[in-house]
């Protein structure tokens, strides 16, 4: 069995993001939500995700923005976050192994947990919705 390489370049980030969102687009639970929200803007969304993960994992500060705001009003619950995280973890495990791969999974887990809690909070207090 050949070993996988770790995430170390923008090209690795692009492979991860493209593979992951390829799964998301066709997923029975997540696909419709993402495709409806993003519509024909997938190239822009993917570029933003390349920059986000490059900033987070490779310390290349190419992402500028607020990652939560676009997600605040999505019609999602715990099952969606669980599925998103499963697809992400599976994608990382298929493509990479090592310290940065483990960090990607850890960071995605923390982000899913934070987004889930914040969305729940705003659903219960709609007057506080961002933007």
C-alpha atoms as a PDB file:
ATOM      1  CA  UNK A   1       0.000   0.000   0.000  1.00  0.00           C
ATOM      2  CA  UNK A   2       1.404   3.389  -0.944  1.00  0.00           C
ATOM      3  CA  UNK A   3       1.314   6.146   1.609  1.00  0.00           C
ATOM      4  CA  UNK A   4      -0.428   9.413   0.951  1.00  0.00           C
ATOM      5  CA  UNK A   5       1.259  12.787   1.111  1.00  0.00           C
ATOM      6  CA  UNK A   6       0.326  15.543   3.523  1.00  0.00           C
ATOM      7  CA  UNK A   7      -1.345  18.818   2.550  1.00  0.00           C
ATOM      8  CA  UNK A   8       1.488  21.215   1.781  1.00  0.00           C
ATOM      9  CA  UNK A   9       0.683  23.337  -1.287  1.00  0.00           C
ATOM     10  CA  UNK A  10      -2.130  25.381  -2.831  1.00  0.00           C
ATOM     11  CA  UNK A  11      -2.486  22.579  -5.381  1.00  0.00           C
ATOM     12  CA  UNK A  12      -3.200  20.181  -2.506  1.00  0.00           C
ATOM     13  CA  UNK A  13      -5.823  22.600  -1.180  1.00  0.00           C
ATOM     14  CA  UNK A  14      -7.422  22.832  -4.636  1.00  0.00           C
ATOM     15  CA  UNK A  15      -7.545  19.035  -4.902  1.00  0.00           C
ATOM     16  CA  UNK A  16      -9.120  18.762  -1.445  1.00  0.00           C
ATOM     17  CA  UNK A  17     -11.697  21.504  -2.033  1.00  0.00           C
ATOM     18  CA  UNK A  18     -12.644  20.375  -5.547  1.00  0.00           C
ATOM     19  CA  UNK A  19     -13.005  16.742  -4.486  1.00  0.00           C
ATOM     20  CA  UNK A  20     -14.984  17.620  -1.365  1.00  0.00           C
ATOM     21  CA  UNK A  21     -17.394  20.013  -3.074  1.00  0.00           C
ATOM     22  CA  UNK A  22     -17.799  17.558  -5.952  1.00  0.00           C
ATOM     23  CA  UNK A  23     -19.278  15.214  -3.341  1.00  0.00           C
ATOM     24  CA  UNK A  24     -21.329  17.960  -1.686  1.00  0.00           C
ATOM     25  CA  UNK A  25     -22.919  19.025  -4.998  1.00  0.00           C
ATOM     26  CA  UNK A  26     -24.344  15.548  -5.566  1.00  0.00           C
ATOM     27  CA  UNK A  27     -25.068  14.579  -1.976  1.00  0.00           C
ATOM     28  CA  UNK A  28     -28.720  13.694  -1.309  1.00  0.00           C
ATOM     29  CA  UNK A  29     -28.833  15.766   1.908  1.00  0.00           C
ATOM     30  CA  UNK A  30     -26.507  18.677   1.136  1.00  0.00           C
ATOM     31  CA  UNK A  31     -26.551  19.049  -2.631  1.00  0.00           C
ATOM     32  CA  UNK A  32     -29.809  20.916  -2.997  1.00  0.00           C
ATOM     33  CA  UNK A  33     -28.974  23.372  -0.207  1.00  0.00           C
ATOM     34  CA  UNK A  34     -25.563  24.233  -1.643  1.00  0.00           C
ATOM     35  CA  UNK A  35     -26.662  24.259  -5.281  1.00  0.00           C
ATOM     36  CA  UNK A  36     -29.652  26.495  -4.497  1.00  0.00           C
ATOM     37  CA  UNK A  37     -27.581  28.957  -2.459  1.00  0.00           C
ATOM     38  CA  UNK A  38     -24.550  29.076  -4.765  1.00  0.00           C
ATOM     39  CA  UNK A  39     -26.351  28.582  -8.097  1.00  0.00           C
ATOM     40  CA  UNK A  40     -24.021  29.485 -10.970  1.00  0.00           C
ATOM     41  CA  UNK A  41     -21.351  30.961  -8.701  1.00  0.00           C
ATOM     42  CA  UNK A  42     -19.472  27.719  -8.007  1.00  0.00           C
ATOM     43  CA  UNK A  43     -16.150  28.963  -9.462  1.00  0.00           C
ATOM     44  CA  UNK A  44     -16.208  31.993  -7.147  1.00  0.00           C
ATOM     45  CA  UNK A  45     -17.206  29.860  -4.165  1.00  0.00           C
ATOM     46  CA  UNK A  46     -14.445  27.347  -4.830  1.00  0.00           C
ATOM     47  CA  UNK A  47     -11.850  30.109  -5.191  1.00  0.00           C
ATOM     48  CA  UNK A  48     -12.976  31.541  -1.854  1.00  0.00           C
ATOM     49  CA  UNK A  49     -12.645  28.071  -0.278  1.00  0.00           C
ATOM     50  CA  UNK A  50      -9.136  27.631  -1.734  1.00  0.00           C
ATOM     51  CA  UNK A  51      -8.135  30.901  -0.090  1.00  0.00           C
ATOM     52  CA  UNK A  52      -9.856  30.021   3.189  1.00  0.00           C
ATOM     53  CA  UNK A  53      -8.144  26.641   3.567  1.00  0.00           C
ATOM     54  CA  UNK A  54      -4.824  27.998   2.298  1.00  0.00           C
ATOM     55  CA  UNK A  55      -4.984  30.652   5.020  1.00  0.00           C
ATOM     56  CA  UNK A  56      -6.032  28.186   7.713  1.00  0.00           C
ATOM     57  CA  UNK A  57      -3.655  25.328   6.881  1.00  0.00           C
ATOM     58  CA  UNK A  58      -0.695  26.869   5.083  1.00  0.00           C
ATOM     59  CA  UNK A  59      -0.533  30.266   6.811  1.00  0.00           C
ATOM     60  CA  UNK A  60      -0.802  32.013   3.435  1.00  0.00           C
ATOM     61  CA  UNK A  61      -3.088  34.947   4.130  1.00  0.00           C
ATOM     62  CA  UNK A  62      -5.160  34.903   0.953  1.00  0.00           C
ATOM     63  CA  UNK A  63      -8.643  34.742   2.540  1.00  0.00           C
ATOM     64  CA  UNK A  64     -10.450  37.915   3.521  1.00  0.00           C
ATOM     65  CA  UNK A  65     -13.973  37.802   4.784  1.00  0.00           C
ATOM     66  CA  UNK A  66     -16.308  36.534   7.426  1.00  0.00           C
ATOM     67  CA  UNK A  67     -16.983  32.826   6.976  1.00  0.00           C
ATOM     68  CA  UNK A  68     -20.108  32.608   9.127  1.00  0.00           C
ATOM     69  CA  UNK A  69     -22.363  35.344   7.701  1.00  0.00           C
ATOM     70  CA  UNK A  70     -23.171  33.606   4.374  1.00  0.00           C
ATOM     71  CA  UNK A  71     -24.206  30.484   6.302  1.00  0.00           C
ATOM     72  CA  UNK A  72     -26.319  32.141   9.003  1.00  0.00           C
ATOM     73  CA  UNK A  73     -29.687  31.715   7.280  1.00  0.00           C
ATOM     74  CA  UNK A  74     -29.186  28.331   5.663  1.00  0.00           C
ATOM     75  CA  UNK A  75     -31.951  25.795   6.353  1.00  0.00           C
ATOM     76  CA  UNK A  76     -29.679  23.347   8.159  1.00  0.00           C
ATOM     77  CA  UNK A  77     -29.613  21.353  11.376  1.00  0.00           C
ATOM     78  CA  UNK A  78     -27.306  18.875  13.092  1.00  0.00           C
ATOM     79  CA  UNK A  79     -27.853  16.213  10.439  1.00  0.00           C
ATOM     80  CA  UNK A  80     -26.488  18.552   7.751  1.00  0.00           C
ATOM     81  CA  UNK A  81     -23.401  19.395   9.788  1.00  0.00           C
ATOM     82  CA  UNK A  82     -22.802  15.715  10.539  1.00  0.00           C
ATOM     83  CA  UNK A  83     -23.036  14.850   6.841  1.00  0.00           C
ATOM     84  CA  UNK A  84     -20.799  17.794   5.839  1.00  0.00           C
ATOM     85  CA  UNK A  85     -18.173  16.714   8.348  1.00  0.00           C
ATOM     86  CA  UNK A  86     -18.351  13.054   7.291  1.00  0.00           C
ATOM     87  CA  UNK A  87     -17.820  14.008   3.646  1.00  0.00           C
ATOM     88  CA  UNK A  88     -14.941  16.293   4.604  1.00  0.00           C
ATOM     89  CA  UNK A  89     -13.213  13.702   6.789  1.00  0.00           C
ATOM     90  CA  UNK A  90     -13.664  11.002   4.135  1.00  0.00           C
ATOM     91  CA  UNK A  91     -12.234  13.278   1.453  1.00  0.00           C
ATOM     92  CA  UNK A  92      -9.185  14.192   3.511  1.00  0.00           C
ATOM     93  CA  UNK A  93      -8.581  10.516   4.374  1.00  0.00           C
ATOM     94  CA  UNK A  94      -8.847   9.487   0.701  1.00  0.00           C
ATOM     95  CA  UNK A  95      -6.323  12.061  -0.458  1.00  0.00           C
ATOM     96  CA  UNK A  96      -3.906  12.887   2.347  1.00  0.00           C
ATOM     97  CA  UNK A  97      -2.306  11.820   5.579  1.00  0.00           C
ATOM     98  CA  UNK A  98      -0.105  13.634   8.035  1.00  0.00           C
ATOM     99  CA  UNK A  99      -0.055  16.582  10.387  1.00  0.00           C
ATOM    100  CA  UNK A 100      -1.819  19.070   8.084  1.00  0.00           C
ATOM    101  CA  UNK A 101      -4.413  16.480   7.057  1.00  0.00           C
ATOM    102  CA  UNK A 102      -5.170  15.871  10.725  1.00  0.00           C
ATOM    103  CA  UNK A 103      -5.296  19.613  11.339  1.00  0.00           C
ATOM    104  CA  UNK A 104      -7.747  20.056   8.443  1.00  0.00           C
ATOM    105  CA  UNK A 105     -10.097  17.510  10.012  1.00  0.00           C
ATOM    106  CA  UNK A 106      -9.735  19.077  13.453  1.00  0.00           C
ATOM    107  CA  UNK A 107     -10.389  22.584  12.135  1.00  0.00           C
ATOM    108  CA  UNK A 108     -13.376  21.428  10.069  1.00  0.00           C
ATOM    109  CA  UNK A 109     -14.805  19.724  13.174  1.00  0.00           C
ATOM    110  CA  UNK A 110     -14.415  22.896  15.236  1.00  0.00           C
ATOM    111  CA  UNK A 111     -15.887  25.051  12.462  1.00  0.00           C
ATOM    112  CA  UNK A 112     -18.903  22.747  12.076  1.00  0.00           C
ATOM    113  CA  UNK A 113     -19.465  22.812  15.831  1.00  0.00           C
ATOM    114  CA  UNK A 114     -19.244  26.609  15.977  1.00  0.00           C
ATOM    115  CA  UNK A 115     -21.502  27.137  12.933  1.00  0.00           C
ATOM    116  CA  UNK A 116     -24.060  24.684  14.303  1.00  0.00           C
ATOM    117  CA  UNK A 117     -24.226  26.512  17.641  1.00  0.00           C
ATOM    118  CA  UNK A 118     -24.370  29.950  16.045  1.00  0.00           C
ATOM    119  CA  UNK A 119     -27.109  28.952  13.597  1.00  0.00           C
ATOM    120  CA  UNK A 120     -29.124  27.433  16.442  1.00  0.00           C
ATOM    121  CA  UNK A 121     -28.678  30.641  18.422  1.00  0.00           C
ATOM    122  CA  UNK A 122     -29.862  32.841  15.536  1.00  0.00           C
ATOM    123  CA  UNK A 123     -32.838  30.565  14.829  1.00  0.00           C
ATOM    124  CA  UNK A 124     -33.925  31.118  18.441  1.00  0.00           C
ATOM    125  CA  UNK A 125     -33.175  34.848  18.351  1.00  0.00           C
ATOM    126  CA  UNK A 126     -33.921  35.970  14.770  1.00  0.00           C
ATOM    127  CA  UNK A 127     -33.700  39.641  15.710  1.00  0.00           C
ATOM    128  CA  UNK A 128     -29.941  39.103  16.175  1.00  0.00           C
ATOM    129  CA  UNK A 129     -29.291  37.663  12.687  1.00  0.00           C
ATOM    130  CA  UNK A 130     -26.137  39.092  11.136  1.00  0.00           C
ATOM    131  CA  UNK A 131     -26.388  41.303   8.055  1.00  0.00           C
END
